[in-house]
């Protein structure tokens, strides 16, 4: 008769499909995250240059808006001594300023024979000119320039004077100076140079306007002082502030008409033209692919870490589902085997009892010997059924915590003697040796402890060769424990099976177990031992024997 295998629907295919889908989704998510991060870093590369631009030009803007405007505080009365102090401060504070040229300008209605800008009766000319710069030793060098020399700086003076005259020509009583008027009239910005004329009061401007009339020539001579500065700037001396070091590998100030047009292009490159006096130059931003890859990886790492963590959590869930399915499958198989084995365990004594009963019923006369034999058979098989039922009932009660501990003090010497005497009768071919060395009574449940002893003795007899049916029982007492050892010379247990032998319904596959068993013996021993506060251990060598050790608190 072929034994039909039990079937348990695991749906492993569904789990595998979900795992494959999850893995593909993870790969796609990582790829999209990488692509998104690459695009984001590239976008940041082009957008964040404004931050570097503002930080780099902050000193220049401060110079243009604050340091230059400081000249107007003197209202034209800045002498050569103060001009030296002011110019030195400008040169040392702003390394991008190469030279400062100071014009001590006079607005007058006199008619001296000097070179200047004349409009009607108004004459504007430089009374003195001084040049200031720092030498290689970082010392201030002052040079006086003749007002009548033909020099390159004359265009700066002439342009500012002409702008002033044009403004004075349209000045009337309702005119006021707006911010746009100030930058348009008193500033003149060309590449590499900023020219600034101090801003007079509106009443002073009207006085300049009156000097332009024809009648001014008949009036008493009048002169007004003005200060004009020319700042020569070198954009390449501006300190670059790279506040986006993760995005820009190299930042340079380059001429817009750069002769090095054939130089190798970077992986990403962008620029921003500089304003005003710096307009012939630009900020050039370059980064190599390898450099930007580091920033991409830095930003990509937290994203991929989060995605991977989510992926691992889902994998853990899949594993838990698979483990639960496997446990249920094993439990189903164990229960299936349990029912089969339990049926066999019940069927055998029932069949023997039925046969014995039929023989008794069909026999016309029974001899005393036959009656004794049949009575013994019926008694033994009934004991088997009773023991099996008691074991199942006790196991269930312990698991449900409905079994009460009925402890009492017992003498282990007499307790063991009774068990050993019964064992000799039950197993006459079993070689039994023992060593009982205790001097105190043990508080325990004698019925449950007897069940543990009987199970371990039965296993020693059942799983031993005919020529090696042997058991040695040792009961010792320490300061805190009672220690009981059961050693046999049976077939032993494979080390891979040791972790499972105390599990409910688990049966070790071997030649002595072919007839089937319920698989509750050792699990029952473990439950009872722990129920009574003890511990059970096992040590076994396959082919040599097994030792079970019980440890109970004293």
Protein backbone atom coordinates (compact mmCIF):
# COMPACT_ATOMS: atom_id res chain seq x y z
CA UNK A 1 0.00 0.00 0.00
CA UNK A 2 1.46 3.30 -1.05
CA UNK A 3 1.32 6.01 1.56
CA UNK A 4 -0.25 9.15 0.16
CA UNK A 5 1.77 12.23 0.91
CA UNK A 6 0.11 15.12 2.65
CA UNK A 7 -0.36 18.32 0.68
CA UNK A 8 -0.16 21.89 1.92
CA UNK A 9 -0.66 24.77 -0.47
CA UNK A 10 2.28 27.12 0.07
CA UNK A 11 1.81 29.67 -2.78
CA UNK A 12 5.59 30.03 -3.01
CA UNK A 13 5.22 31.07 -6.64
CA UNK A 14 3.27 34.14 -5.58
CA UNK A 15 6.01 35.10 -3.11
CA UNK A 16 8.69 34.61 -5.77
CA UNK A 17 6.73 36.75 -8.23
CA UNK A 18 6.30 39.46 -5.61
CA UNK A 19 10.00 39.29 -4.75
CA UNK A 20 10.93 39.62 -8.43
CA UNK A 21 8.55 42.56 -8.85
CA UNK A 22 9.93 44.20 -5.73
CA UNK A 23 13.53 43.74 -6.92
CA UNK A 24 12.75 45.21 -10.35
CA UNK A 25 10.95 48.11 -8.67
CA UNK A 26 13.98 48.65 -6.39
CA UNK A 27 16.38 48.70 -9.38
CA UNK A 28 14.14 51.14 -11.26
CA UNK A 29 13.83 53.34 -8.17
CA UNK A 30 17.60 53.44 -7.69
CA UNK A 31 18.12 54.24 -11.37
CA UNK A 32 15.52 57.02 -11.34
CA UNK A 33 16.93 58.42 -8.10
CA UNK A 34 20.41 58.48 -9.63
CA UNK A 35 19.14 60.20 -12.78
CA UNK A 36 17.13 62.69 -10.75
CA UNK A 37 20.13 63.47 -8.56
CA UNK A 38 22.37 63.97 -11.63
CA UNK A 39 19.83 66.39 -13.14
CA UNK A 40 19.44 68.17 -9.82
CA UNK A 41 23.19 68.66 -9.39
CA UNK A 42 23.48 69.93 -12.98
CA UNK A 43 20.64 72.38 -12.35
CA UNK A 44 22.34 73.49 -9.12
CA UNK A 45 25.58 73.97 -11.07
CA UNK A 46 23.93 76.56 -13.32
CA UNK A 47 21.80 78.22 -10.62
CA UNK A 48 24.18 78.48 -7.67
CA UNK A 49 26.74 80.55 -9.56
CA UNK A 50 24.78 83.63 -8.45
CA UNK A 51 25.74 82.89 -4.83
CA UNK A 52 29.44 82.78 -5.76
CA UNK A 53 29.04 85.89 -7.89
CA UNK A 54 27.46 87.87 -5.03
CA UNK A 55 30.00 86.67 -2.45
CA UNK A 56 32.93 87.46 -4.76
CA UNK A 57 31.69 90.95 -5.66
CA UNK A 58 30.66 91.87 -2.13
CA UNK A 59 33.97 93.71 -1.39
CA UNK A 60 33.82 95.49 -4.77
CA UNK A 61 30.19 96.55 -4.21
CA UNK A 62 31.08 97.81 -0.75
CA UNK A 63 33.94 99.79 -2.30
CA UNK A 64 31.71 101.23 -5.02
CA UNK A 65 28.75 102.12 -2.78
CA UNK A 66 30.50 103.09 0.46
CA UNK A 67 34.21 103.82 0.09
CA UNK A 68 33.89 106.00 -3.02
CA UNK A 69 30.91 107.94 -1.65
CA UNK A 70 32.97 108.82 1.42
CA UNK A 71 34.64 111.54 -0.66
CA UNK A 72 31.42 113.59 -0.61
CA UNK A 73 31.69 113.99 3.16
CA UNK A 74 34.50 116.51 2.61
CA UNK A 75 32.34 118.70 0.32
CA UNK A 76 35.33 119.59 -1.88
CA UNK A 77 37.67 120.57 0.94
CA UNK A 78 39.81 117.47 0.80
CA UNK A 79 43.43 118.64 0.86
CA UNK A 80 46.46 116.67 -0.26
CA UNK A 81 47.21 115.39 3.25
CA UNK A 82 43.73 113.90 3.71
CA UNK A 83 43.81 112.65 0.13
CA UNK A 84 46.93 110.62 1.00
CA UNK A 85 45.25 109.06 4.03
CA UNK A 86 42.05 108.30 2.14
CA UNK A 87 43.85 106.86 -0.89
CA UNK A 88 46.09 104.63 1.24
CA UNK A 89 43.04 103.25 3.02
CA UNK A 90 41.37 102.53 -0.30
CA UNK A 91 44.45 100.80 -1.74
CA UNK A 92 45.10 98.63 1.31
CA UNK A 93 41.49 97.71 1.90
CA UNK A 94 40.73 96.88 -1.73
CA UNK A 95 43.55 94.92 -3.42
CA UNK A 96 41.78 95.12 -6.77
CA UNK A 97 42.40 98.92 -6.89
CA UNK A 98 45.78 99.42 -8.59
CA UNK A 99 45.94 103.23 -8.51
CA UNK A 100 44.06 106.25 -7.17
CA UNK A 101 44.38 109.61 -8.95
CA UNK A 102 43.28 112.69 -7.03
CA UNK A 103 42.21 115.95 -8.76
CA UNK A 104 41.89 119.09 -6.68
CA UNK A 105 39.30 120.78 -8.94
CA UNK A 106 38.33 124.48 -8.98
CA UNK A 107 35.00 125.93 -10.24
CA UNK A 108 35.51 129.67 -10.88
CA UNK A 109 34.47 132.70 -12.95
CA UNK A 110 38.06 133.93 -13.20
CA UNK A 111 39.85 133.77 -16.47
CA UNK A 112 43.31 132.46 -15.85
CA UNK A 113 45.34 131.07 -18.70
CA UNK A 114 45.08 127.45 -17.63
CA UNK A 115 43.89 124.33 -19.34
CA UNK A 116 40.42 123.26 -18.30
CA UNK A 117 36.81 123.07 -19.41
CA UNK A 118 35.11 126.42 -20.03
CA UNK A 119 31.44 127.06 -20.63
CA UNK A 120 30.46 130.69 -20.98
CA UNK A 121 32.00 132.29 -17.89
CA UNK A 122 32.40 129.08 -15.89
CA UNK A 123 35.87 127.58 -15.84
CA UNK A 124 36.59 124.08 -14.42
CA UNK A 125 40.24 123.08 -14.11
CA UNK A 126 42.47 120.91 -11.89
CA UNK A 127 44.54 122.93 -9.53
CA UNK A 128 46.72 119.92 -8.64
CA UNK A 129 46.85 116.24 -9.49
CA UNK A 130 48.32 113.43 -7.39
CA UNK A 131 48.69 109.73 -8.14
CA UNK A 132 48.77 107.10 -5.35
CA UNK A 133 49.73 103.42 -5.61
CA UNK A 134 51.40 100.67 -3.60
CA UNK A 135 54.83 99.51 -4.70
CA UNK A 136 56.15 95.94 -4.61
CA UNK A 137 57.10 96.40 -0.96
CA UNK A 138 53.51 97.37 -0.19
CA UNK A 139 54.48 100.96 0.59
CA UNK A 140 52.43 103.93 -0.57
CA UNK A 141 53.95 105.85 -3.47
CA UNK A 142 52.75 109.40 -4.11
CA UNK A 143 53.42 111.20 -7.36
CA UNK A 144 52.51 114.76 -8.35
CA UNK A 145 51.30 115.22 -11.91
CA UNK A 146 51.51 118.58 -13.69
CA UNK A 147 48.13 120.01 -14.61
CA UNK A 148 49.36 121.20 -17.98
CA UNK A 149 50.99 117.93 -19.04
CA UNK A 150 49.42 115.95 -21.80
CA UNK A 151 48.56 112.84 -19.82
CA UNK A 152 46.16 109.88 -20.24
CA UNK A 153 44.11 110.91 -17.21
CA UNK A 154 43.00 114.17 -18.83
CA UNK A 155 40.09 112.42 -20.54
CA UNK A 156 38.73 111.35 -17.14
CA UNK A 157 38.71 114.96 -15.97
CA UNK A 158 37.33 116.32 -19.22
CA UNK A 159 34.48 113.82 -19.39
CA UNK A 160 33.39 114.56 -15.84
CA UNK A 161 33.64 118.31 -16.38
CA UNK A 162 31.55 118.12 -19.55
CA UNK A 163 28.90 116.01 -17.79
CA UNK A 164 28.74 118.63 -15.00
CA UNK A 165 28.44 121.52 -17.44
CA UNK A 166 25.63 119.80 -19.34
CA UNK A 167 23.76 119.20 -16.09
CA UNK A 168 24.25 122.82 -14.94
CA UNK A 169 22.95 124.07 -18.27
CA UNK A 170 19.50 122.52 -17.64
CA UNK A 171 19.46 123.16 -13.89
CA UNK A 172 16.59 125.29 -12.60
CA UNK A 173 15.05 126.12 -9.25
CA UNK A 174 12.82 123.01 -9.25
CA UNK A 175 15.64 120.57 -9.95
CA UNK A 176 16.49 118.00 -7.27
CA UNK A 177 19.09 115.27 -7.30
CA UNK A 178 17.64 111.78 -7.64
CA UNK A 179 19.66 108.63 -7.20
CA UNK A 180 19.73 108.14 -10.94
CA UNK A 181 21.02 111.72 -11.38
CA UNK A 182 23.83 111.05 -8.92
CA UNK A 183 25.05 107.92 -10.74
CA UNK A 184 24.59 109.58 -14.14
CA UNK A 185 26.39 112.86 -13.37
CA UNK A 186 28.92 112.22 -10.61
CA UNK A 187 30.03 108.72 -11.59
CA UNK A 188 31.71 107.75 -14.79
CA UNK A 189 32.37 104.04 -15.14
CA UNK A 190 34.36 102.55 -17.98
CA UNK A 191 36.16 99.18 -18.16
CA UNK A 192 39.03 99.23 -15.69
CA UNK A 193 38.28 102.67 -14.28
CA UNK A 194 35.79 104.50 -12.04
CA UNK A 195 35.73 108.30 -11.95
CA UNK A 196 33.91 110.07 -9.14
CA UNK A 197 33.24 113.75 -8.45
CA UNK A 198 32.13 114.62 -4.97
CA UNK A 199 28.44 115.52 -4.80
CA UNK A 200 27.88 119.17 -3.83
CA UNK A 201 24.73 120.53 -2.23
CA UNK A 202 21.93 121.75 -4.49
CA UNK A 203 22.57 125.36 -3.44
CA UNK A 204 26.20 124.96 -4.48
CA UNK A 205 25.08 123.64 -7.85
CA UNK A 206 22.90 126.70 -8.31
CA UNK A 207 25.93 128.86 -7.45
CA UNK A 208 27.85 127.02 -10.21
CA UNK A 209 24.90 127.77 -12.52
CA UNK A 210 25.11 131.49 -11.71
CA UNK A 211 28.78 131.55 -12.64
CA UNK A 212 27.81 130.58 -16.18
CA UNK A 213 25.89 133.84 -16.80
CA UNK A 214 27.48 136.65 -18.78
CA UNK A 215 27.06 139.02 -15.85
CA UNK A 216 29.30 136.75 -13.78
CA UNK A 217 32.32 138.08 -15.57
CA UNK A 218 31.58 141.55 -14.18
CA UNK A 219 31.15 140.21 -10.66
CA UNK A 220 33.86 139.73 -8.09
CA UNK A 221 36.01 136.61 -8.62
CA UNK A 222 34.54 133.49 -6.97
CA UNK A 223 36.05 129.98 -6.70
CA UNK A 224 34.65 126.67 -5.40
CA UNK A 225 36.66 123.58 -4.53
CA UNK A 226 35.66 120.14 -5.79
CA UNK A 227 37.35 116.72 -5.37
CA UNK A 228 37.59 114.29 -8.23
CA UNK A 229 39.01 110.76 -7.91
CA UNK A 230 39.88 108.22 -10.56
CA UNK A 231 40.11 104.60 -9.33
CA UNK A 232 41.91 102.20 -11.61
CA UNK A 233 40.72 98.66 -10.91
CA UNK A 234 42.15 95.30 -11.87
CA UNK A 235 39.39 92.62 -11.97
CA UNK A 236 41.90 89.78 -11.85
CA UNK A 237 42.92 90.85 -8.34
CA UNK A 238 39.44 90.34 -6.96
CA UNK A 239 39.47 87.45 -4.49
CA UNK A 240 37.12 84.68 -5.60
CA UNK A 241 34.88 83.38 -2.82
CA UNK A 242 33.79 79.87 -3.70
CA UNK A 243 30.95 79.23 -1.26
CA UNK A 244 29.74 76.31 -3.38
CA UNK A 245 32.85 74.15 -3.28
CA UNK A 246 30.89 70.95 -3.87
CA UNK A 247 29.61 72.25 -7.20
CA UNK A 248 32.50 74.24 -8.69
CA UNK A 249 35.90 72.66 -9.07
CA UNK A 250 37.56 75.70 -10.64
CA UNK A 251 36.46 79.36 -10.71
CA UNK A 252 38.48 81.96 -12.61
CA UNK A 253 38.20 85.58 -13.62
CA UNK A 254 38.82 85.65 -17.35
CA UNK A 255 38.71 88.30 -20.03
CA UNK A 256 35.60 88.06 -22.13
CA UNK A 257 37.75 88.24 -25.25
CA UNK A 258 40.00 85.44 -23.96
CA UNK A 259 42.79 84.58 -26.40
CA UNK A 260 42.91 81.03 -25.04
CA UNK A 261 39.82 79.98 -26.96
CA UNK A 262 41.27 76.57 -27.84
CA UNK A 263 41.65 75.33 -24.27
CA UNK A 264 39.96 72.07 -23.39
CA UNK A 265 36.36 72.45 -22.25
CA UNK A 266 35.26 71.12 -18.88
CA UNK A 267 32.43 68.61 -18.45
CA UNK A 268 30.17 71.44 -17.25
CA UNK A 269 31.02 75.08 -17.75
CA UNK A 270 29.19 78.37 -17.28
CA UNK A 271 30.06 82.03 -16.74
CA UNK A 272 28.72 85.36 -15.52
CA UNK A 273 29.90 88.75 -16.88
CA UNK A 274 31.17 91.21 -14.30
CA UNK A 275 29.47 94.62 -14.05
CA UNK A 276 30.57 98.21 -14.63
CA UNK A 277 34.30 98.83 -14.42
CA UNK A 278 34.84 95.06 -14.49
CA UNK A 279 32.78 94.50 -17.63
CA UNK A 280 35.66 93.31 -19.80
CA UNK A 281 35.94 90.25 -17.57
CA UNK A 282 33.73 87.40 -16.48
CA UNK A 283 33.55 84.73 -13.78
CA UNK A 284 34.22 81.33 -15.37
CA UNK A 285 32.86 78.24 -13.55
CA UNK A 286 34.23 74.80 -14.52
CA UNK A 287 33.79 71.29 -13.09
CA UNK A 288 34.97 67.93 -14.34
CA UNK A 289 32.73 64.88 -14.56
CA UNK A 290 34.65 63.08 -11.83
CA UNK A 291 34.35 66.08 -9.50
CA UNK A 292 30.59 66.37 -9.98
CA UNK A 293 30.17 62.63 -9.60
CA UNK A 294 31.37 63.00 -6.01
CA UNK A 295 28.62 65.55 -5.28
CA UNK A 296 26.03 63.40 -7.04
CA UNK A 297 27.07 60.40 -4.94
CA UNK A 298 26.96 62.47 -1.74
CA UNK A 299 23.39 63.55 -2.40
CA UNK A 300 22.40 60.19 -3.86
CA UNK A 301 23.61 58.19 -0.84
CA UNK A 302 20.80 59.21 1.61
CA UNK A 303 18.19 58.58 -1.11
CA UNK A 304 19.50 55.13 -2.02
CA UNK A 305 19.92 54.38 1.70
CA UNK A 306 16.25 55.17 2.30
CA UNK A 307 15.13 53.16 -0.74
CA UNK A 308 17.37 50.25 0.27
CA UNK A 309 16.06 50.35 3.84
CA UNK A 310 12.49 50.20 2.54
CA UNK A 311 13.51 47.36 0.21
CA UNK A 312 15.09 45.45 3.11
CA UNK A 313 11.99 45.97 5.25
CA UNK A 314 9.84 44.54 2.47
CA UNK A 315 12.31 41.66 2.05
CA UNK A 316 12.02 41.01 5.78
CA UNK A 317 8.24 40.95 5.46
CA UNK A 318 8.54 38.48 2.57
CA UNK A 319 10.89 36.35 4.66
CA UNK A 320 8.49 36.41 7.61
CA UNK A 321 5.63 35.40 5.33
CA UNK A 322 7.77 32.61 3.87
CA UNK A 323 8.84 31.48 7.33
CA UNK A 324 5.25 31.50 8.51
CA UNK A 325 4.24 29.44 5.47
CA UNK A 326 7.11 27.01 6.13
CA UNK A 327 6.19 26.72 9.81
CA UNK A 328 2.56 26.12 8.92
CA UNK A 329 3.67 23.56 6.34
CA UNK A 330 5.82 21.75 8.91
CA UNK A 331 3.05 22.00 11.48
CA UNK A 332 0.59 20.59 8.97
CA UNK A 333 3.00 17.73 8.24
CA UNK A 334 3.57 17.10 11.95
CA UNK A 335 -0.13 17.11 12.65
CA UNK A 336 -0.67 14.83 9.69
CA UNK A 337 1.99 12.44 10.99
CA UNK A 338 0.63 12.78 14.52
CA UNK A 339 -2.83 11.69 13.47
CA UNK A 340 -1.42 8.77 11.50
CA UNK A 341 0.88 7.69 14.31
CA UNK A 342 -1.72 8.25 17.00
CA UNK A 343 -4.13 6.14 14.98
CA UNK A 344 -1.48 3.44 14.76
CA UNK A 345 -0.69 3.71 18.47
CA UNK A 346 -4.36 3.27 19.33
CA UNK A 347 -5.06 0.70 16.64
CA UNK A 348 -2.38 -1.75 17.77
CA UNK A 349 -3.56 -2.27 21.39
CA UNK A 350 -7.19 -2.11 20.29
CA UNK A 351 -6.52 -4.83 17.71
CA UNK A 352 -4.73 -6.98 20.30
CA UNK A 353 -7.56 -6.50 22.79
CA UNK A 354 -10.10 -7.38 20.10
CA UNK A 355 -8.19 -10.53 19.10
CA UNK A 356 -7.82 -11.59 22.72
CA UNK A 357 -11.51 -10.95 23.32
CA UNK A 358 -12.56 -12.94 20.26
CA UNK A 359 -10.32 -15.83 21.34
CA UNK A 360 -11.83 -15.82 24.80
CA UNK A 361 -15.37 -15.65 23.40
CA UNK A 362 -14.85 -18.41 20.83
CA UNK A 363 -12.99 -20.77 23.17
CA UNK A 364 -15.16 -23.51 24.70
CA UNK A 365 -12.82 -24.12 27.58
CA UNK A 366 -9.98 -21.98 28.86
CA UNK A 367 -7.18 -23.42 30.89
CA UNK A 368 -5.78 -21.46 33.81
CA UNK A 369 -2.64 -20.80 31.80
CA UNK A 370 -4.63 -19.41 28.83
CA UNK A 371 -6.82 -17.30 31.11
CA UNK A 372 -3.72 -15.86 32.80
CA UNK A 373 -2.10 -15.16 29.42
CA UNK A 374 -5.16 -13.41 27.99
CA UNK A 375 -5.65 -11.45 31.19
CA UNK A 376 -2.04 -10.27 31.08
CA UNK A 377 -2.40 -9.27 27.42
CA UNK A 378 -5.59 -7.32 28.10
CA UNK A 379 -4.02 -5.64 31.12
CA UNK A 380 -0.85 -4.64 29.23
CA UNK A 381 -2.71 -3.26 26.22
CA UNK A 382 -5.14 -1.38 28.46
CA UNK A 383 -2.13 0.13 30.29
CA UNK A 384 -0.70 1.24 26.95
CA UNK A 385 -3.94 3.00 26.02
CA UNK A 386 -4.22 4.52 29.48
CA UNK A 387 -0.61 5.77 29.44
CA UNK A 388 -1.06 7.28 26.01
CA UNK A 389 -4.28 9.05 27.05
CA UNK A 390 -2.69 10.28 30.29
CA UNK A 391 0.31 11.59 28.39
CA UNK A 392 -1.86 13.50 25.89
CA UNK A 393 -4.07 14.84 28.68
CA UNK A 394 -1.13 15.94 30.84
CA UNK A 395 0.61 17.57 27.89
CA UNK A 396 -2.53 19.53 27.02
CA UNK A 397 -3.07 20.57 30.64
CA UNK A 398 0.52 21.79 30.98
CA UNK A 399 0.33 23.79 27.74
CA UNK A 400 -2.98 25.34 28.81
CA UNK A 401 -1.60 25.94 32.32
CA UNK A 402 -4.57 24.11 33.80
CA UNK A 403 -2.48 21.41 35.51
CA UNK A 404 -1.78 22.21 39.15
CA UNK A 405 1.56 21.38 40.72
CA UNK A 406 0.94 18.78 43.46
CA UNK A 407 4.28 18.93 45.19
CA UNK A 408 5.37 16.82 48.12
CA UNK A 409 8.65 15.78 49.70
CA UNK A 410 9.82 12.39 48.46
CA UNK A 411 12.72 10.15 49.32
CA UNK A 412 14.61 9.73 46.06
CA UNK A 413 16.19 6.44 47.14
CA UNK A 414 12.85 4.66 47.64
CA UNK A 415 11.31 6.51 44.66
CA UNK A 416 14.03 5.30 42.33
CA UNK A 417 14.00 1.75 43.74
CA UNK A 418 10.30 1.38 42.92
CA UNK A 419 10.90 2.60 39.34
CA UNK A 420 13.93 0.34 38.86
CA UNK A 421 12.06 -2.70 40.18
CA UNK A 422 9.24 -2.11 37.73
CA UNK A 423 11.75 -1.59 34.92
CA UNK A 424 13.42 -4.97 35.59
CA UNK A 425 10.05 -6.66 35.27
CA UNK A 426 9.06 -4.67 32.16
CA UNK A 427 12.42 -4.99 30.42
CA UNK A 428 14.18 -8.11 31.73
CA UNK A 429 16.85 -7.89 28.98
CA UNK A 430 17.77 -4.27 29.88
CA UNK A 431 21.04 -3.90 31.80
CA UNK A 432 20.30 -1.28 34.47
CA UNK A 433 22.95 0.30 36.70
CA UNK A 434 22.45 3.24 39.03
CA UNK A 435 24.09 5.45 41.62
CA UNK A 436 21.86 7.30 44.11
CA UNK A 437 23.79 9.72 46.31
CA UNK A 438 21.37 12.12 48.04
CA UNK A 439 20.78 12.96 51.68
CA UNK A 440 17.79 15.28 51.38
CA UNK A 441 14.21 14.84 50.32
CA UNK A 442 13.12 16.45 47.07
CA UNK A 443 10.02 18.59 46.77
CA UNK A 444 8.34 17.55 43.51
CA UNK A 445 5.28 15.98 41.93
CA UNK A 446 6.06 12.21 42.11
CA UNK A 447 3.53 11.31 39.39
CA UNK A 448 5.01 13.73 36.85
CA UNK A 449 8.60 12.90 37.79
CA UNK A 450 7.77 9.20 37.42
CA UNK A 451 6.49 9.94 33.88
CA UNK A 452 9.80 11.60 32.97
CA UNK A 453 11.79 8.63 34.34
CA UNK A 454 9.61 6.13 32.46
CA UNK A 455 9.89 8.05 29.15
CA UNK A 456 13.66 8.31 29.32
CA UNK A 457 14.04 4.63 30.29
CA UNK A 458 11.63 3.58 27.52
CA UNK A 459 13.65 5.59 24.96
CA UNK A 460 16.92 4.04 26.14
CA UNK A 461 15.46 0.56 25.64
CA UNK A 462 13.65 1.35 22.37
CA UNK A 463 16.58 3.02 20.60
CA UNK A 464 19.30 0.51 21.43
CA UNK A 465 20.60 -2.57 19.60
CA UNK A 466 19.68 -5.95 21.14
CA UNK A 467 23.25 -6.45 22.36
CA UNK A 468 23.55 -2.90 23.78
CA UNK A 469 20.37 -2.46 25.80
CA UNK A 470 21.90 -0.62 28.71
CA UNK A 471 21.10 2.40 30.90
CA UNK A 472 22.99 3.99 33.77
CA UNK A 473 21.05 6.33 36.04
CA UNK A 474 22.85 8.72 38.38
CA UNK A 475 21.06 10.87 40.97
CA UNK A 476 23.35 13.36 42.73
CA UNK A 477 22.87 16.29 45.06
CA UNK A 478 24.81 19.57 45.07
CA UNK A 479 24.41 22.61 47.31
CA UNK A 480 21.61 24.04 45.19
CA UNK A 481 20.42 21.30 42.81
CA UNK A 482 19.39 17.70 42.30
CA UNK A 483 21.13 16.36 39.19
CA UNK A 484 19.82 13.24 37.42
CA UNK A 485 21.61 11.66 34.46
CA UNK A 486 20.30 8.94 32.14
CA UNK A 487 23.07 7.43 29.99
CA UNK A 488 22.54 4.69 27.41
CA UNK A 489 24.57 2.91 24.73
CA UNK A 490 21.97 3.30 22.04
CA UNK A 491 22.19 4.50 18.46
CA UNK A 492 22.67 8.14 19.50
CA UNK A 493 21.25 11.26 17.88
CA UNK A 494 22.71 13.19 14.97
CA UNK A 495 23.92 16.63 16.07
CA UNK A 496 21.67 18.27 13.45
CA UNK A 497 18.65 16.65 15.12
CA UNK A 498 19.46 17.72 18.70
CA UNK A 499 17.82 21.13 18.32
CA UNK A 500 14.52 19.52 17.27
CA UNK A 501 14.09 16.47 19.50
CA UNK A 502 12.18 18.42 22.19
CA UNK A 503 9.67 19.80 19.68
CA UNK A 504 6.13 18.56 19.77
CA UNK A 505 5.29 15.84 17.18
CA UNK A 506 8.90 15.71 15.98
CA UNK A 507 10.28 12.22 15.27
CA UNK A 508 13.86 11.27 14.49
CA UNK A 509 14.03 9.14 11.35
CA UNK A 510 15.84 5.86 12.08
CA UNK A 511 15.37 2.08 11.82
CA UNK A 512 13.89 1.88 15.32
CA UNK A 513 11.15 4.38 14.51
CA UNK A 514 9.63 2.79 11.42
CA UNK A 515 6.54 1.60 13.26
CA UNK A 516 5.63 5.19 14.04
CA UNK A 517 5.30 7.12 17.28
CA UNK A 518 3.31 10.11 18.34
CA UNK A 519 6.41 12.25 18.78
CA UNK A 520 5.44 13.53 22.21
CA UNK A 521 7.85 11.61 24.48
CA UNK A 522 10.78 14.03 24.78
CA UNK A 523 8.55 17.09 24.30
CA UNK A 524 6.46 15.76 27.19
CA UNK A 525 9.60 15.31 29.31
CA UNK A 526 10.75 18.86 28.60
CA UNK A 527 7.32 20.38 29.40
CA UNK A 528 7.01 18.45 32.66
CA UNK A 529 10.60 19.22 33.72
CA UNK A 530 10.17 22.93 33.12
CA UNK A 531 6.71 22.85 34.71
CA UNK A 532 8.35 21.53 37.91
CA UNK A 533 11.01 24.28 37.72
CA UNK A 534 13.77 22.14 36.29
CA UNK A 535 15.85 21.98 33.12
CA UNK A 536 16.61 19.14 30.71
CA UNK A 537 19.78 18.86 28.60
CA UNK A 538 21.02 16.32 26.10
CA UNK A 539 24.46 15.21 24.96
CA UNK A 540 24.75 12.54 22.31
CA UNK A 541 27.32 10.89 20.05
CA UNK A 542 25.84 9.11 17.06
CA UNK A 543 26.55 5.36 17.27
CA UNK A 544 27.79 5.52 20.87
CA UNK A 545 24.91 6.64 23.04
CA UNK A 546 22.97 9.51 24.59
CA UNK A 547 22.92 11.19 27.99
CA UNK A 548 19.93 13.19 29.25
CA UNK A 549 20.54 15.42 32.27
CA UNK A 550 17.76 16.70 34.53
CA UNK A 551 18.53 19.58 36.90
CA UNK A 552 16.00 20.51 39.58
CA UNK A 553 16.36 23.22 42.21
CA UNK A 554 16.97 21.91 45.73
